[in-house]
Amino acid sequence: MENYQLVPCISAAEVENQVDRLATEINRDYAGKDLVLIGVLKGSFVFLADLMRRLTVPLRVDFIRLSSYGSKAEPSGEVRITKDIELPIRDQQVLVVEDIVDTGLSMTRLLDYLGSYQPASLKVCALIDKVERRQVEFQADYVGIRLDKGFVVGYGLDFSEKHRHLPGICEVQFTQE
């Protein structure tokens, strides 16, 4: 069994400020347009819920689920779609809502896949952009918080399905025992 402690690193108030800022940018950029939000399950559901309540543009919501992590803190390297979208997105303005961009592999795979549906536009909004383990060149269009490194949980992000409920974001620090 792994031992670890949670160290607060981003307060709930700061997360809320970043969600407000992102919503302002998205409202500006999509003014007068209909938008399809695609949340990446499971991690983005808290962020997506808070973000969409702040949007003033007409929108529809769908979800997709990717699998690339097991129960460990390291990605498996393989990205699979385990739940597909249900809304048609051809000729639509599509914004993927993601909790964290880490290696870039999942987002690259997802954008290639969604791009095959020929949306009018396809962009990514990430709560956290963490560059430490980036394996492919990738830049989200909207980024809330940039982190250099660290394994983080809270506000929808998890470690072995734990800690999603935390209102702020904490770093997981592994301990030896």
N, C-alpha and C. Protein backbone atom coordinates (compact mmCIF):
# COMPACT_ATOMS: atom_id res chain seq x y z
N MET A 1 0.83 -1.17 0.00
CA MET A 1 0.00 0.00 0.00
C MET A 1 0.88 1.25 0.00
N GLU A 2 0.56 2.20 -0.85
CA GLU A 2 1.34 3.43 -0.94
C GLU A 2 0.91 4.39 0.15
N ASN A 3 1.89 5.03 0.77
CA ASN A 3 1.63 6.04 1.78
C ASN A 3 1.90 7.40 1.17
N TYR A 4 1.03 8.34 1.47
CA TYR A 4 1.20 9.68 0.94
C TYR A 4 0.48 10.68 1.82
N GLN A 5 0.82 11.92 1.63
CA GLN A 5 0.11 13.01 2.29
C GLN A 5 -0.32 14.01 1.23
N LEU A 6 -1.38 14.76 1.55
CA LEU A 6 -1.89 15.79 0.64
C LEU A 6 -1.44 17.15 1.16
N VAL A 7 -0.80 17.91 0.27
CA VAL A 7 -0.32 19.24 0.62
C VAL A 7 -1.09 20.25 -0.22
N PRO A 8 -1.88 21.12 0.43
CA PRO A 8 -2.64 22.12 -0.34
C PRO A 8 -1.71 22.98 -1.19
N CYS A 9 -2.08 23.19 -2.47
CA CYS A 9 -1.24 24.02 -3.34
C CYS A 9 -2.04 25.08 -4.09
N ILE A 10 -3.33 24.86 -4.34
CA ILE A 10 -4.17 25.86 -5.00
C ILE A 10 -5.49 25.91 -4.25
N SER A 11 -5.79 27.06 -3.69
CA SER A 11 -6.99 27.19 -2.86
C SER A 11 -8.26 27.12 -3.70
N ALA A 12 -9.37 26.82 -3.04
CA ALA A 12 -10.67 26.81 -3.70
C ALA A 12 -10.98 28.18 -4.28
N ALA A 13 -10.60 29.25 -3.58
CA ALA A 13 -10.84 30.61 -4.07
C ALA A 13 -10.06 30.88 -5.35
N GLU A 14 -8.82 30.42 -5.42
CA GLU A 14 -8.02 30.61 -6.64
C GLU A 14 -8.60 29.80 -7.80
N VAL A 15 -9.04 28.58 -7.53
CA VAL A 15 -9.68 27.78 -8.58
C VAL A 15 -10.90 28.53 -9.11
N GLU A 16 -11.71 29.05 -8.21
CA GLU A 16 -12.91 29.79 -8.61
C GLU A 16 -12.55 31.02 -9.45
N ASN A 17 -11.50 31.73 -9.06
CA ASN A 17 -11.05 32.89 -9.84
C ASN A 17 -10.65 32.49 -11.25
N GLN A 18 -9.98 31.37 -11.37
CA GLN A 18 -9.54 30.92 -12.69
C GLN A 18 -10.73 30.46 -13.55
N VAL A 19 -11.71 29.81 -12.93
CA VAL A 19 -12.91 29.41 -13.67
C VAL A 19 -13.65 30.65 -14.16
N ASP A 20 -13.74 31.68 -13.32
CA ASP A 20 -14.37 32.94 -13.73
C ASP A 20 -13.63 33.55 -14.93
N ARG A 21 -12.31 33.59 -14.86
CA ARG A 21 -11.50 34.16 -15.94
C ARG A 21 -11.70 33.39 -17.24
N LEU A 22 -11.67 32.08 -17.15
CA LEU A 22 -11.86 31.25 -18.34
C LEU A 22 -13.24 31.47 -18.95
N ALA A 23 -14.27 31.53 -18.11
CA ALA A 23 -15.63 31.75 -18.60
C ALA A 23 -15.73 33.09 -19.32
N THR A 24 -15.08 34.12 -18.79
CA THR A 24 -15.10 35.44 -19.43
C THR A 24 -14.47 35.35 -20.82
N GLU A 25 -13.34 34.66 -20.93
CA GLU A 25 -12.67 34.51 -22.23
C GLU A 25 -13.53 33.72 -23.22
N ILE A 26 -14.12 32.65 -22.74
CA ILE A 26 -14.94 31.80 -23.62
C ILE A 26 -16.20 32.56 -24.06
N ASN A 27 -16.84 33.25 -23.13
CA ASN A 27 -18.02 34.06 -23.49
C ASN A 27 -17.66 35.09 -24.55
N ARG A 28 -16.52 35.72 -24.43
CA ARG A 28 -16.07 36.71 -25.41
C ARG A 28 -15.82 36.04 -26.77
N ASP A 29 -15.08 34.93 -26.77
CA ASP A 29 -14.67 34.29 -28.02
C ASP A 29 -15.82 33.61 -28.75
N TYR A 30 -16.85 33.18 -28.03
CA TYR A 30 -17.97 32.46 -28.66
C TYR A 30 -19.25 33.30 -28.67
N ALA A 31 -19.15 34.59 -28.45
CA ALA A 31 -20.33 35.46 -28.47
C ALA A 31 -21.05 35.32 -29.81
N GLY A 32 -22.37 35.11 -29.75
CA GLY A 32 -23.17 34.98 -30.97
C GLY A 32 -23.10 33.62 -31.62
N LYS A 33 -22.45 32.66 -30.97
CA LYS A 33 -22.31 31.30 -31.52
C LYS A 33 -22.89 30.28 -30.55
N ASP A 34 -23.35 29.17 -31.09
CA ASP A 34 -23.75 28.04 -30.26
C ASP A 34 -22.50 27.21 -29.99
N LEU A 35 -22.42 26.63 -28.82
CA LEU A 35 -21.22 25.91 -28.40
C LEU A 35 -21.59 24.51 -27.90
N VAL A 36 -20.77 23.55 -28.24
CA VAL A 36 -20.89 22.20 -27.69
C VAL A 36 -19.69 21.99 -26.76
N LEU A 37 -19.98 21.77 -25.48
CA LEU A 37 -18.93 21.43 -24.51
C LEU A 37 -18.84 19.92 -24.43
N ILE A 38 -17.63 19.41 -24.51
CA ILE A 38 -17.42 17.97 -24.34
C ILE A 38 -16.50 17.79 -23.14
N GLY A 39 -17.08 17.29 -22.05
CA GLY A 39 -16.30 17.03 -20.85
C GLY A 39 -15.63 15.68 -20.94
N VAL A 40 -14.37 15.64 -20.51
CA VAL A 40 -13.61 14.39 -20.50
C VAL A 40 -13.76 13.78 -19.11
N LEU A 41 -14.46 12.65 -19.06
CA LEU A 41 -14.72 11.97 -17.79
C LEU A 41 -13.51 11.18 -17.34
N LYS A 42 -13.36 11.05 -16.04
CA LYS A 42 -14.23 11.50 -14.99
C LYS A 42 -13.79 12.86 -14.47
N GLY A 43 -12.54 13.17 -14.62
CA GLY A 43 -11.94 14.29 -13.92
C GLY A 43 -12.52 15.66 -14.17
N SER A 44 -13.10 15.89 -15.35
CA SER A 44 -13.54 17.25 -15.68
C SER A 44 -14.93 17.60 -15.17
N PHE A 45 -15.65 16.66 -14.59
CA PHE A 45 -17.07 16.93 -14.32
C PHE A 45 -17.30 18.08 -13.35
N VAL A 46 -16.46 18.26 -12.35
CA VAL A 46 -16.63 19.36 -11.41
C VAL A 46 -16.32 20.68 -12.11
N PHE A 47 -15.20 20.73 -12.80
CA PHE A 47 -14.79 21.91 -13.56
C PHE A 47 -15.84 22.28 -14.61
N LEU A 48 -16.30 21.29 -15.37
CA LEU A 48 -17.31 21.53 -16.41
C LEU A 48 -18.59 22.11 -15.80
N ALA A 49 -19.05 21.55 -14.70
CA ALA A 49 -20.28 22.04 -14.07
C ALA A 49 -20.14 23.50 -13.65
N ASP A 50 -19.03 23.84 -13.03
CA ASP A 50 -18.83 25.22 -12.60
C ASP A 50 -18.64 26.15 -13.79
N LEU A 51 -17.89 25.73 -14.77
CA LEU A 51 -17.64 26.55 -15.95
C LEU A 51 -18.92 26.83 -16.72
N MET A 52 -19.72 25.81 -16.98
CA MET A 52 -20.91 26.00 -17.82
C MET A 52 -21.93 26.92 -17.16
N ARG A 53 -21.98 26.92 -15.83
CA ARG A 53 -22.91 27.82 -15.14
C ARG A 53 -22.51 29.28 -15.28
N ARG A 54 -21.27 29.52 -15.65
CA ARG A 54 -20.79 30.89 -15.84
C ARG A 54 -20.84 31.33 -17.31
N LEU A 55 -21.17 30.42 -18.20
CA LEU A 55 -21.21 30.76 -19.62
C LEU A 55 -22.56 31.36 -19.98
N THR A 56 -22.54 32.35 -20.85
CA THR A 56 -23.75 33.02 -21.29
C THR A 56 -24.11 32.68 -22.72
N VAL A 57 -23.25 31.97 -23.42
CA VAL A 57 -23.52 31.58 -24.81
C VAL A 57 -24.43 30.35 -24.81
N PRO A 58 -25.24 30.18 -25.86
CA PRO A 58 -26.06 28.96 -25.94
C PRO A 58 -25.14 27.74 -26.02
N LEU A 59 -25.46 26.72 -25.24
CA LEU A 59 -24.58 25.55 -25.26
C LEU A 59 -25.34 24.25 -25.06
N ARG A 60 -24.67 23.20 -25.50
CA ARG A 60 -25.10 21.83 -25.23
C ARG A 60 -23.89 21.13 -24.63
N VAL A 61 -24.15 20.07 -23.89
CA VAL A 61 -23.07 19.37 -23.18
C VAL A 61 -23.09 17.89 -23.52
N ASP A 62 -21.92 17.34 -23.71
CA ASP A 62 -21.76 15.91 -23.91
C ASP A 62 -20.51 15.48 -23.16
N PHE A 63 -20.31 14.19 -23.09
CA PHE A 63 -19.16 13.64 -22.38
C PHE A 63 -18.50 12.55 -23.20
N ILE A 64 -17.20 12.42 -22.98
CA ILE A 64 -16.43 11.33 -23.55
C ILE A 64 -15.54 10.82 -22.42
N ARG A 65 -15.23 9.55 -22.45
CA ARG A 65 -14.36 9.01 -21.41
C ARG A 65 -13.17 8.34 -22.06
N LEU A 66 -12.00 8.72 -21.57
CA LEU A 66 -10.75 8.15 -22.04
C LEU A 66 -10.13 7.36 -20.91
N SER A 67 -9.36 6.38 -21.28
CA SER A 67 -8.65 5.60 -20.27
C SER A 67 -7.18 5.58 -20.64
N SER A 68 -6.36 6.10 -19.72
CA SER A 68 -4.91 6.02 -19.93
C SER A 68 -4.18 5.76 -18.62
N TYR A 69 -4.86 5.89 -17.49
CA TYR A 69 -4.25 5.64 -16.19
C TYR A 69 -4.88 4.41 -15.58
N GLY A 70 -4.07 3.64 -14.90
CA GLY A 70 -4.59 2.55 -14.09
C GLY A 70 -4.80 3.09 -12.70
N SER A 71 -4.39 2.33 -11.71
CA SER A 71 -4.52 2.79 -10.33
C SER A 71 -3.25 3.48 -9.85
N LYS A 72 -2.28 3.64 -10.74
CA LYS A 72 -1.00 4.23 -10.37
C LYS A 72 -0.95 5.69 -10.80
N ALA A 73 0.09 6.37 -10.35
CA ALA A 73 0.28 7.78 -10.69
C ALA A 73 0.94 7.96 -12.05
N GLU A 74 1.30 6.88 -12.70
CA GLU A 74 1.97 6.94 -14.00
C GLU A 74 1.00 6.56 -15.10
N PRO A 75 1.04 7.28 -16.24
CA PRO A 75 0.16 6.91 -17.35
C PRO A 75 0.60 5.61 -17.98
N SER A 76 -0.36 4.88 -18.55
CA SER A 76 -0.04 3.61 -19.17
C SER A 76 0.57 3.78 -20.55
N GLY A 77 0.37 4.95 -21.17
CA GLY A 77 0.89 5.18 -22.52
C GLY A 77 -0.13 4.89 -23.60
N GLU A 78 -1.12 4.08 -23.30
CA GLU A 78 -2.19 3.75 -24.25
C GLU A 78 -3.41 4.59 -23.91
N VAL A 79 -4.03 5.17 -24.94
CA VAL A 79 -5.23 5.98 -24.74
C VAL A 79 -6.39 5.30 -25.46
N ARG A 80 -7.41 4.96 -24.69
CA ARG A 80 -8.60 4.31 -25.27
C ARG A 80 -9.82 5.15 -24.98
N ILE A 81 -10.78 5.14 -25.92
CA ILE A 81 -12.07 5.79 -25.70
C ILE A 81 -13.00 4.73 -25.14
N THR A 82 -13.48 4.94 -23.90
CA THR A 82 -14.34 3.94 -23.27
C THR A 82 -15.80 4.39 -23.21
N LYS A 83 -16.07 5.68 -23.49
CA LYS A 83 -17.43 6.20 -23.64
C LYS A 83 -17.37 7.28 -24.69
N ASP A 84 -18.15 7.14 -25.74
CA ASP A 84 -18.12 8.06 -26.87
C ASP A 84 -19.15 9.17 -26.70
N ILE A 85 -18.99 10.24 -27.46
CA ILE A 85 -19.97 11.32 -27.47
C ILE A 85 -21.26 10.84 -28.12
N GLU A 86 -22.35 11.51 -27.82
CA GLU A 86 -23.65 11.16 -28.39
C GLU A 86 -24.22 12.28 -29.26
N LEU A 87 -23.82 13.53 -29.01
CA LEU A 87 -24.30 14.64 -29.82
C LEU A 87 -23.57 14.70 -31.15
N PRO A 88 -24.27 15.10 -32.22
CA PRO A 88 -23.57 15.33 -33.48
C PRO A 88 -22.74 16.60 -33.37
N ILE A 89 -21.50 16.58 -33.84
CA ILE A 89 -20.65 17.76 -33.74
C ILE A 89 -20.17 18.28 -35.10
N ARG A 90 -20.60 17.66 -36.17
CA ARG A 90 -20.21 18.14 -37.50
C ARG A 90 -20.70 19.60 -37.66
N ASP A 91 -19.80 20.46 -38.12
CA ASP A 91 -20.07 21.88 -38.36
C ASP A 91 -20.44 22.64 -37.08
N GLN A 92 -20.09 22.12 -35.92
CA GLN A 92 -20.38 22.77 -34.63
C GLN A 92 -19.11 23.38 -34.04
N GLN A 93 -19.30 24.38 -33.18
CA GLN A 93 -18.20 24.94 -32.39
C GLN A 93 -18.04 24.03 -31.18
N VAL A 94 -16.91 23.36 -31.07
CA VAL A 94 -16.70 22.36 -30.03
C VAL A 94 -15.56 22.80 -29.11
N LEU A 95 -15.83 22.73 -27.81
CA LEU A 95 -14.82 23.03 -26.81
C LEU A 95 -14.70 21.83 -25.88
N VAL A 96 -13.55 21.19 -25.90
CA VAL A 96 -13.27 20.07 -25.01
C VAL A 96 -12.88 20.65 -23.66
N VAL A 97 -13.50 20.16 -22.59
CA VAL A 97 -13.21 20.62 -21.24
C VAL A 97 -12.49 19.49 -20.51
N GLU A 98 -11.24 19.76 -20.12
CA GLU A 98 -10.36 18.76 -19.53
C GLU A 98 -9.88 19.24 -18.17
N ASP A 99 -9.71 18.32 -17.24
CA ASP A 99 -9.21 18.70 -15.92
C ASP A 99 -7.73 19.06 -15.96
N ILE A 100 -6.92 18.21 -16.61
CA ILE A 100 -5.47 18.43 -16.60
C ILE A 100 -4.86 17.90 -17.89
N VAL A 101 -3.97 18.68 -18.47
CA VAL A 101 -3.15 18.22 -19.59
C VAL A 101 -1.79 17.91 -19.01
N ASP A 102 -1.37 16.67 -19.19
CA ASP A 102 -0.14 16.19 -18.58
C ASP A 102 0.85 15.80 -19.69
N THR A 103 0.79 14.57 -20.15
CA THR A 103 1.71 14.13 -21.20
C THR A 103 1.35 14.72 -22.56
N GLY A 104 0.08 15.07 -22.74
CA GLY A 104 -0.41 15.54 -24.03
C GLY A 104 -0.91 14.42 -24.91
N LEU A 105 -0.65 13.19 -24.54
CA LEU A 105 -1.05 12.04 -25.37
C LEU A 105 -2.57 11.91 -25.47
N SER A 106 -3.28 12.03 -24.35
CA SER A 106 -4.74 11.89 -24.36
C SER A 106 -5.39 12.98 -25.22
N MET A 107 -4.95 14.22 -25.04
CA MET A 107 -5.56 15.32 -25.79
C MET A 107 -5.25 15.23 -27.27
N THR A 108 -4.03 14.84 -27.62
CA THR A 108 -3.68 14.67 -29.03
C THR A 108 -4.54 13.59 -29.67
N ARG A 109 -4.69 12.48 -28.99
CA ARG A 109 -5.52 11.38 -29.49
C ARG A 109 -6.98 11.82 -29.59
N LEU A 110 -7.48 12.51 -28.58
CA LEU A 110 -8.87 12.94 -28.55
C LEU A 110 -9.15 13.95 -29.67
N LEU A 111 -8.28 14.92 -29.87
CA LEU A 111 -8.51 15.91 -30.91
C LEU A 111 -8.46 15.29 -32.30
N ASP A 112 -7.58 14.32 -32.51
CA ASP A 112 -7.57 13.60 -33.79
C ASP A 112 -8.90 12.90 -34.01
N TYR A 113 -9.39 12.25 -32.96
CA TYR A 113 -10.65 11.51 -33.05
C TYR A 113 -11.82 12.45 -33.30
N LEU A 114 -11.96 13.49 -32.47
CA LEU A 114 -13.08 14.41 -32.64
C LEU A 114 -12.99 15.19 -33.95
N GLY A 115 -11.79 15.46 -34.40
CA GLY A 115 -11.59 16.15 -35.67
C GLY A 115 -12.14 15.36 -36.85
N SER A 116 -12.20 14.04 -36.72
CA SER A 116 -12.74 13.20 -37.80
C SER A 116 -14.23 13.44 -38.01
N TYR A 117 -14.91 14.03 -37.02
CA TYR A 117 -16.33 14.37 -37.15
C TYR A 117 -16.54 15.71 -37.87
N GLN A 118 -15.46 16.40 -38.19
CA GLN A 118 -15.48 17.66 -38.92
C GLN A 118 -16.27 18.78 -38.23
N PRO A 119 -15.91 19.09 -36.99
CA PRO A 119 -16.54 20.25 -36.35
C PRO A 119 -16.07 21.54 -37.03
N ALA A 120 -16.85 22.60 -36.88
CA ALA A 120 -16.45 23.90 -37.44
C ALA A 120 -15.20 24.42 -36.73
N SER A 121 -15.12 24.20 -35.44
CA SER A 121 -13.91 24.53 -34.68
C SER A 121 -13.79 23.52 -33.55
N LEU A 122 -12.56 23.32 -33.10
CA LEU A 122 -12.28 22.35 -32.05
C LEU A 122 -11.16 22.91 -31.19
N LYS A 123 -11.51 23.26 -29.95
CA LYS A 123 -10.53 23.84 -29.03
C LYS A 123 -10.59 23.10 -27.70
N VAL A 124 -9.58 23.37 -26.86
CA VAL A 124 -9.47 22.71 -25.55
C VAL A 124 -9.36 23.76 -24.45
N CYS A 125 -10.15 23.54 -23.40
CA CYS A 125 -10.07 24.33 -22.18
C CYS A 125 -9.63 23.39 -21.06
N ALA A 126 -8.47 23.66 -20.48
CA ALA A 126 -7.93 22.81 -19.42
C ALA A 126 -7.83 23.61 -18.13
N LEU A 127 -8.30 23.06 -17.05
CA LEU A 127 -8.15 23.71 -15.76
C LEU A 127 -6.66 23.82 -15.42
N ILE A 128 -5.92 22.72 -15.62
CA ILE A 128 -4.50 22.68 -15.28
C ILE A 128 -3.69 22.22 -16.48
N ASP A 129 -2.61 22.92 -16.74
CA ASP A 129 -1.64 22.52 -17.76
C ASP A 129 -0.33 22.25 -17.02
N LYS A 130 0.05 20.98 -17.01
CA LYS A 130 1.26 20.57 -16.30
C LYS A 130 2.27 20.06 -17.32
N VAL A 131 3.39 20.73 -17.42
CA VAL A 131 4.34 20.45 -18.50
C VAL A 131 5.43 19.45 -18.13
N GLU A 132 5.51 19.08 -16.89
CA GLU A 132 6.60 18.22 -16.40
C GLU A 132 6.78 16.94 -17.23
N ARG A 133 5.68 16.29 -17.55
CA ARG A 133 5.78 14.99 -18.24
C ARG A 133 5.29 15.05 -19.69
N ARG A 134 5.28 16.20 -20.29
CA ARG A 134 4.78 16.34 -21.66
C ARG A 134 5.62 15.46 -22.59
N GLN A 135 4.93 14.60 -23.33
CA GLN A 135 5.60 13.69 -24.26
C GLN A 135 5.39 14.09 -25.71
N VAL A 136 4.34 14.87 -25.97
CA VAL A 136 4.08 15.37 -27.32
C VAL A 136 3.80 16.86 -27.22
N GLU A 137 4.07 17.58 -28.29
CA GLU A 137 3.80 19.02 -28.32
C GLU A 137 2.30 19.24 -28.29
N PHE A 138 1.84 19.97 -27.27
CA PHE A 138 0.42 20.26 -27.17
C PHE A 138 0.23 21.52 -26.34
N GLN A 139 -0.66 22.40 -26.81
CA GLN A 139 -1.00 23.60 -26.07
C GLN A 139 -2.51 23.77 -26.07
N ALA A 140 -3.11 23.81 -24.89
CA ALA A 140 -4.55 24.05 -24.78
C ALA A 140 -4.84 25.50 -25.16
N ASP A 141 -6.04 25.73 -25.67
CA ASP A 141 -6.45 27.07 -26.09
C ASP A 141 -6.81 27.97 -24.91
N TYR A 142 -7.33 27.37 -23.85
CA TYR A 142 -7.69 28.08 -22.63
C TYR A 142 -7.09 27.30 -21.47
N VAL A 143 -6.33 27.98 -20.63
CA VAL A 143 -5.68 27.31 -19.50
C VAL A 143 -5.94 28.11 -18.24
N GLY A 144 -6.41 27.41 -17.20
CA GLY A 144 -6.65 28.05 -15.92
C GLY A 144 -5.39 28.23 -15.12
N ILE A 145 -4.67 27.14 -14.87
CA ILE A 145 -3.52 27.15 -13.98
C ILE A 145 -2.39 26.36 -14.65
N ARG A 146 -1.21 26.96 -14.66
CA ARG A 146 -0.03 26.26 -15.18
C ARG A 146 0.81 25.77 -14.00
N LEU A 147 1.16 24.49 -14.06
CA LEU A 147 2.02 23.90 -13.05
C LEU A 147 3.25 23.32 -13.74
N ASP A 148 4.38 23.47 -13.09
CA ASP A 148 5.60 22.89 -13.66
C ASP A 148 5.66 21.40 -13.39
N LYS A 149 5.26 21.00 -12.17
CA LYS A 149 5.39 19.60 -11.80
C LYS A 149 4.45 19.28 -10.66
N GLY A 150 4.44 18.01 -10.28
CA GLY A 150 3.65 17.56 -9.14
C GLY A 150 2.45 16.74 -9.56
N PHE A 151 2.08 15.80 -8.71
CA PHE A 151 0.89 14.98 -8.92
C PHE A 151 -0.20 15.58 -8.05
N VAL A 152 -1.28 16.06 -8.67
CA VAL A 152 -2.29 16.82 -7.94
C VAL A 152 -3.65 16.14 -7.95
N VAL A 153 -4.42 16.43 -6.90
CA VAL A 153 -5.77 15.90 -6.73
C VAL A 153 -6.69 17.01 -6.23
N GLY A 154 -7.97 16.74 -6.30
CA GLY A 154 -8.98 17.68 -5.83
C GLY A 154 -9.69 18.34 -7.00
N TYR A 155 -10.86 18.92 -6.74
CA TYR A 155 -11.66 19.61 -7.75
C TYR A 155 -11.87 18.71 -8.98
N GLY A 156 -12.14 17.44 -8.73
CA GLY A 156 -12.39 16.48 -9.80
C GLY A 156 -11.22 15.58 -10.12
N LEU A 157 -10.01 16.01 -9.82
CA LEU A 157 -8.82 15.19 -10.08
C LEU A 157 -8.68 14.15 -8.97
N ASP A 158 -8.21 12.97 -9.34
CA ASP A 158 -8.16 11.90 -8.35
C ASP A 158 -6.83 11.18 -8.31
N PHE A 159 -6.67 10.40 -7.29
CA PHE A 159 -5.61 9.40 -7.18
C PHE A 159 -6.31 8.12 -6.76
N SER A 160 -6.32 7.13 -7.63
CA SER A 160 -7.02 5.86 -7.38
C SER A 160 -8.48 6.09 -6.97
N GLU A 161 -9.16 7.02 -7.66
CA GLU A 161 -10.57 7.36 -7.46
C GLU A 161 -10.84 8.06 -6.12
N LYS A 162 -9.82 8.54 -5.46
CA LYS A 162 -9.98 9.25 -4.19
C LYS A 162 -9.67 10.74 -4.38
N HIS A 163 -10.25 11.56 -3.53
CA HIS A 163 -9.94 12.98 -3.39
C HIS A 163 -10.58 13.90 -4.43
N ARG A 164 -11.47 13.41 -5.29
CA ARG A 164 -12.13 14.27 -6.27
C ARG A 164 -12.96 15.36 -5.60
N HIS A 165 -13.45 15.09 -4.40
CA HIS A 165 -14.38 15.98 -3.71
C HIS A 165 -13.73 17.22 -3.10
N LEU A 166 -12.43 17.28 -3.04
CA LEU A 166 -11.77 18.42 -2.40
C LEU A 166 -12.04 19.70 -3.18
N PRO A 167 -12.36 20.80 -2.50
CA PRO A 167 -12.71 22.04 -3.21
C PRO A 167 -11.52 22.77 -3.82
N GLY A 168 -10.34 22.55 -3.26
CA GLY A 168 -9.11 23.11 -3.81
C GLY A 168 -8.26 22.00 -4.39
N ILE A 169 -7.04 22.33 -4.74
CA ILE A 169 -6.15 21.34 -5.34
C ILE A 169 -4.96 21.12 -4.42
N CYS A 170 -4.63 19.84 -4.21
CA CYS A 170 -3.53 19.46 -3.35
C CYS A 170 -2.52 18.64 -4.13
N GLU A 171 -1.26 18.75 -3.73
CA GLU A 171 -0.23 17.90 -4.30
C GLU A 171 -0.13 16.64 -3.47
N VAL A 172 0.00 15.50 -4.15
CA VAL A 172 0.21 14.23 -3.48
C VAL A 172 1.71 14.06 -3.29
N GLN A 173 2.12 13.93 -2.05
CA GLN A 173 3.54 13.69 -1.75
C GLN A 173 3.65 12.31 -1.14
N PHE A 174 4.37 11.46 -1.85
CA PHE A 174 4.52 10.07 -1.42
C PHE A 174 5.58 9.99 -0.32
N THR A 175 5.30 9.14 0.67
CA THR A 175 6.19 8.98 1.80
C THR A 175 6.67 7.55 1.88
N GLN A 176 7.81 7.37 2.52
CA GLN A 176 8.39 6.04 2.73
C GLN A 176 8.04 5.58 4.13
N GLU A 177 7.65 4.32 4.25
CA GLU A 177 7.42 3.75 5.60
C GLU A 177 7.85 2.33 5.62
